[in-house]
């Protein structure tokens, strides 16, 4: 949206612009609250982008658009893509976004794990080695 349109809307009704941005932020934090620290201060660039993606179609709707304008349809698609990305970020199992975790010692959502497998031949190999050490077999 051109800056002149945003400024005109702001002069006309600043409360509406603020309400749309607050609503977008509330939708994002509502989705992410179970997994991530909210509010995020400072807000990561990804969250700022989601706010813009969610707010833009509503602001265009307030400004007025030509029915059937493909630009507006594109913004609606971007908004839905942002909602899909937020859903992915909130997914505790397969989430791919690096945002500040809730109640975590680290300031990042990337898990730092150790090896998930053993190099032993079998789970009973250690018992066999202990028997060999004790009885020489």
C-alpha atoms as a PDB file:
ATOM      1  CA  UNK A   1       0.000   0.000   0.000  1.00  0.00           C
ATOM      2  CA  UNK A   2       1.431   3.394  -0.873  1.00  0.00           C
ATOM      3  CA  UNK A   3       2.651   5.419   2.076  1.00  0.00           C
ATOM      4  CA  UNK A   4       0.374   8.315   1.104  1.00  0.00           C
ATOM      5  CA  UNK A   5      -2.670   6.028   1.488  1.00  0.00           C
ATOM      6  CA  UNK A   6      -1.495   4.819   4.890  1.00  0.00           C
ATOM      7  CA  UNK A   7      -0.909   8.402   6.056  1.00  0.00           C
ATOM      8  CA  UNK A   8      -4.327   9.490   4.766  1.00  0.00           C
ATOM      9  CA  UNK A   9      -5.960   6.601   6.601  1.00  0.00           C
ATOM     10  CA  UNK A  10      -3.963   7.459   9.715  1.00  0.00           C
ATOM     11  CA  UNK A  11      -5.096  11.098   9.582  1.00  0.00           C
ATOM     12  CA  UNK A  12      -8.697  10.052   9.009  1.00  0.00           C
ATOM     13  CA  UNK A  13      -8.850   7.400  11.747  1.00  0.00           C
ATOM     14  CA  UNK A  14      -5.592   6.501  13.484  1.00  0.00           C
ATOM     15  CA  UNK A  15      -7.508   4.239  15.845  1.00  0.00           C
ATOM     16  CA  UNK A  16      -8.543   1.952  12.989  1.00  0.00           C
ATOM     17  CA  UNK A  17      -4.972   1.454  11.760  1.00  0.00           C
ATOM     18  CA  UNK A  18      -3.776   0.754  15.299  1.00  0.00           C
ATOM     19  CA  UNK A  19      -6.679  -1.644  15.901  1.00  0.00           C
ATOM     20  CA  UNK A  20      -5.885  -3.617  12.742  1.00  0.00           C
ATOM     21  CA  UNK A  21      -2.213  -3.923  13.721  1.00  0.00           C
ATOM     22  CA  UNK A  22      -3.150  -4.897  17.307  1.00  0.00           C
ATOM     23  CA  UNK A  23      -5.591  -7.480  15.954  1.00  0.00           C
ATOM     24  CA  UNK A  24      -2.946  -8.991  13.677  1.00  0.00           C
ATOM     25  CA  UNK A  25      -0.471  -9.103  16.562  1.00  0.00           C
ATOM     26  CA  UNK A  26      -3.107 -10.733  18.809  1.00  0.00           C
ATOM     27  CA  UNK A  27      -3.806 -13.397  16.175  1.00  0.00           C
ATOM     28  CA  UNK A  28      -0.101 -14.199  15.891  1.00  0.00           C
ATOM     29  CA  UNK A  29       0.530 -14.306  19.634  1.00  0.00           C
ATOM     30  CA  UNK A  30      -2.667 -16.284  20.196  1.00  0.00           C
ATOM     31  CA  UNK A  31      -1.383 -18.943  17.836  1.00  0.00           C
ATOM     32  CA  UNK A  32       2.184 -18.968  19.195  1.00  0.00           C
ATOM     33  CA  UNK A  33       1.499 -18.452  22.928  1.00  0.00           C
ATOM     34  CA  UNK A  34       1.645 -22.140  23.890  1.00  0.00           C
ATOM     35  CA  UNK A  35       5.145 -22.624  22.519  1.00  0.00           C
ATOM     36  CA  UNK A  36       6.859 -19.218  22.376  1.00  0.00           C
ATOM     37  CA  UNK A  37       7.416 -16.268  24.680  1.00  0.00           C
ATOM     38  CA  UNK A  38       4.806 -13.590  24.024  1.00  0.00           C
ATOM     39  CA  UNK A  39       5.002 -10.687  23.592  1.00  0.00           C
ATOM     40  CA  UNK A  40       8.299 -10.904  21.760  1.00  0.00           C
ATOM     41  CA  UNK A  41      10.377  -7.814  22.505  1.00  0.00           C
ATOM     42  CA  UNK A  42      11.883  -6.872  20.160  1.00  0.00           C
ATOM     43  CA  UNK A  43       9.653  -8.568  17.633  1.00  0.00           C
ATOM     44  CA  UNK A  44      11.568 -10.820  15.226  1.00  0.00           C
ATOM     45  CA  UNK A  45      11.424  -9.749  11.592  1.00  0.00           C
ATOM     46  CA  UNK A  46       9.297 -12.794  10.761  1.00  0.00           C
ATOM     47  CA  UNK A  47       6.617 -11.674  13.232  1.00  0.00           C
ATOM     48  CA  UNK A  48       6.689  -8.123  11.818  1.00  0.00           C
ATOM     49  CA  UNK A  49       6.200  -9.575   8.330  1.00  0.00           C
ATOM     50  CA  UNK A  50       3.253 -11.676   9.518  1.00  0.00           C
ATOM     51  CA  UNK A  51       1.668  -8.558  11.051  1.00  0.00           C
ATOM     52  CA  UNK A  52       1.991  -6.746   7.715  1.00  0.00           C
ATOM     53  CA  UNK A  53       0.661  -9.759   5.792  1.00  0.00           C
ATOM     54  CA  UNK A  54      -2.384 -10.037   8.071  1.00  0.00           C
ATOM     55  CA  UNK A  55      -3.135  -6.297   8.275  1.00  0.00           C
ATOM     56  CA  UNK A  56      -2.729  -5.269   4.623  1.00  0.00           C
ATOM     57  CA  UNK A  57      -5.982  -6.759   3.225  1.00  0.00           C
ATOM     58  CA  UNK A  58      -8.046  -5.107   5.996  1.00  0.00           C
ATOM     59  CA  UNK A  59      -6.361  -1.765   5.419  1.00  0.00           C
ATOM     60  CA  UNK A  60      -7.011  -2.016   1.684  1.00  0.00           C
ATOM     61  CA  UNK A  61     -10.615  -2.879   2.448  1.00  0.00           C
ATOM     62  CA  UNK A  62     -10.945   0.295   4.524  1.00  0.00           C
ATOM     63  CA  UNK A  63      -9.270   2.427   1.867  1.00  0.00           C
ATOM     64  CA  UNK A  64     -11.525   1.021  -0.833  1.00  0.00           C
ATOM     65  CA  UNK A  65     -10.704  -1.260  -3.746  1.00  0.00           C
ATOM     66  CA  UNK A  66     -12.085  -2.099  -7.139  1.00  0.00           C
ATOM     67  CA  UNK A  67     -14.092  -5.335  -6.906  1.00  0.00           C
ATOM     68  CA  UNK A  68     -12.257  -8.198  -8.561  1.00  0.00           C
ATOM     69  CA  UNK A  69      -8.891  -6.410  -8.412  1.00  0.00           C
ATOM     70  CA  UNK A  70      -6.247  -9.170  -8.737  1.00  0.00           C
ATOM     71  CA  UNK A  71      -3.899  -7.226  -6.443  1.00  0.00           C
ATOM     72  CA  UNK A  72      -6.309  -7.637  -3.545  1.00  0.00           C
ATOM     73  CA  UNK A  73      -6.722 -11.338  -4.299  1.00  0.00           C
ATOM     74  CA  UNK A  74      -2.931 -11.601  -4.099  1.00  0.00           C
ATOM     75  CA  UNK A  75      -2.909  -9.936  -0.667  1.00  0.00           C
ATOM     76  CA  UNK A  76      -5.581 -12.333   0.554  1.00  0.00           C
ATOM     77  CA  UNK A  77      -3.415 -15.238  -0.616  1.00  0.00           C
ATOM     78  CA  UNK A  78      -0.419 -13.731   1.209  1.00  0.00           C
ATOM     79  CA  UNK A  79      -2.546 -13.446   4.368  1.00  0.00           C
ATOM     80  CA  UNK A  80      -3.521 -17.116   4.147  1.00  0.00           C
ATOM     81  CA  UNK A  81       0.121 -18.085   3.530  1.00  0.00           C
ATOM     82  CA  UNK A  82       1.072 -16.149   6.696  1.00  0.00           C
ATOM     83  CA  UNK A  83      -1.570 -18.047   8.673  1.00  0.00           C
ATOM     84  CA  UNK A  84      -0.216 -21.340   7.337  1.00  0.00           C
ATOM     85  CA  UNK A  85       3.328 -20.308   8.319  1.00  0.00           C
ATOM     86  CA  UNK A  86       2.159 -19.331  11.824  1.00  0.00           C
ATOM     87  CA  UNK A  87       0.492 -22.722  12.180  1.00  0.00           C
ATOM     88  CA  UNK A  88       3.756 -24.378  11.167  1.00  0.00           C
ATOM     89  CA  UNK A  89       5.699 -22.261  13.653  1.00  0.00           C
ATOM     90  CA  UNK A  90       3.317 -23.258  16.454  1.00  0.00           C
ATOM     91  CA  UNK A  91       3.767 -26.956  15.645  1.00  0.00           C
ATOM     92  CA  UNK A  92       5.866 -28.287  18.519  1.00  0.00           C
ATOM     93  CA  UNK A  93       6.957 -31.377  16.615  1.00  0.00           C
ATOM     94  CA  UNK A  94       7.768 -30.119  13.116  1.00  0.00           C
ATOM     95  CA  UNK A  95       7.989 -26.326  13.559  1.00  0.00           C
ATOM     96  CA  UNK A  96      10.829 -24.837  11.541  1.00  0.00           C
ATOM     97  CA  UNK A  97      10.891 -21.257  12.840  1.00  0.00           C
ATOM     98  CA  UNK A  98      13.550 -20.035  15.253  1.00  0.00           C
ATOM     99  CA  UNK A  99      11.594 -17.895  17.718  1.00  0.00           C
ATOM    100  CA  UNK A 100      12.152 -17.454  21.497  1.00  0.00           C
ATOM    101  CA  UNK A 101      10.799 -20.546  23.299  1.00  0.00           C
ATOM    102  CA  UNK A 102       8.478 -20.401  26.284  1.00  0.00           C
ATOM    103  CA  UNK A 103      10.215 -21.178  29.619  1.00  0.00           C
ATOM    104  CA  UNK A 104      13.465 -22.157  27.959  1.00  0.00           C
ATOM    105  CA  UNK A 105      16.963 -21.454  29.140  1.00  0.00           C
ATOM    106  CA  UNK A 106      17.978 -20.708  25.581  1.00  0.00           C
ATOM    107  CA  UNK A 107      16.790 -17.668  23.671  1.00  0.00           C
ATOM    108  CA  UNK A 108      16.128 -19.787  20.607  1.00  0.00           C
ATOM    109  CA  UNK A 109      13.706 -22.509  19.591  1.00  0.00           C
ATOM    110  CA  UNK A 110      16.355 -24.643  17.945  1.00  0.00           C
ATOM    111  CA  UNK A 111      16.837 -27.745  20.068  1.00  0.00           C
ATOM    112  CA  UNK A 112      20.330 -28.846  20.857  1.00  0.00           C
ATOM    113  CA  UNK A 113      20.176 -32.588  21.322  1.00  0.00           C
ATOM    114  CA  UNK A 114      22.700 -35.315  21.589  1.00  0.00           C
ATOM    115  CA  UNK A 115      22.935 -38.528  19.619  1.00  0.00           C
ATOM    116  CA  UNK A 116      19.716 -40.491  19.335  1.00  0.00           C
ATOM    117  CA  UNK A 117      21.344 -43.848  18.620  1.00  0.00           C
ATOM    118  CA  UNK A 118      23.878 -46.179  20.141  1.00  0.00           C
ATOM    119  CA  UNK A 119      26.925 -47.634  18.444  1.00  0.00           C
ATOM    120  CA  UNK A 120      26.512 -50.877  20.380  1.00  0.00           C
ATOM    121  CA  UNK A 121      25.780 -54.059  18.440  1.00  0.00           C
ATOM    122  CA  UNK A 122      22.685 -54.737  20.564  1.00  0.00           C
ATOM    123  CA  UNK A 123      21.077 -53.386  23.720  1.00  0.00           C
ATOM    124  CA  UNK A 124      22.427 -56.451  25.581  1.00  0.00           C
ATOM    125  CA  UNK A 125      26.020 -56.146  24.402  1.00  0.00           C
ATOM    126  CA  UNK A 126      27.125 -54.420  27.606  1.00  0.00           C
ATOM    127  CA  UNK A 127      25.848 -57.383  29.665  1.00  0.00           C
ATOM    128  CA  UNK A 128      27.857 -59.794  27.506  1.00  0.00           C
ATOM    129  CA  UNK A 129      30.990 -57.683  28.038  1.00  0.00           C
ATOM    130  CA  UNK A 130      30.475 -57.687  31.820  1.00  0.00           C
ATOM    131  CA  UNK A 131      30.059 -61.492  31.852  1.00  0.00           C
ATOM    132  CA  UNK A 132      33.251 -61.869  29.795  1.00  0.00           C
ATOM    133  CA  UNK A 133      35.115 -59.574  32.203  1.00  0.00           C
ATOM    134  CA  UNK A 134      33.904 -61.504  35.253  1.00  0.00           C
ATOM    135  CA  UNK A 135      34.092 -65.063  34.008  1.00  0.00           C
ATOM    136  CA  UNK A 136      36.504 -64.817  31.126  1.00  0.00           C
ATOM    137  CA  UNK A 137      34.138 -66.305  28.590  1.00  0.00           C
END
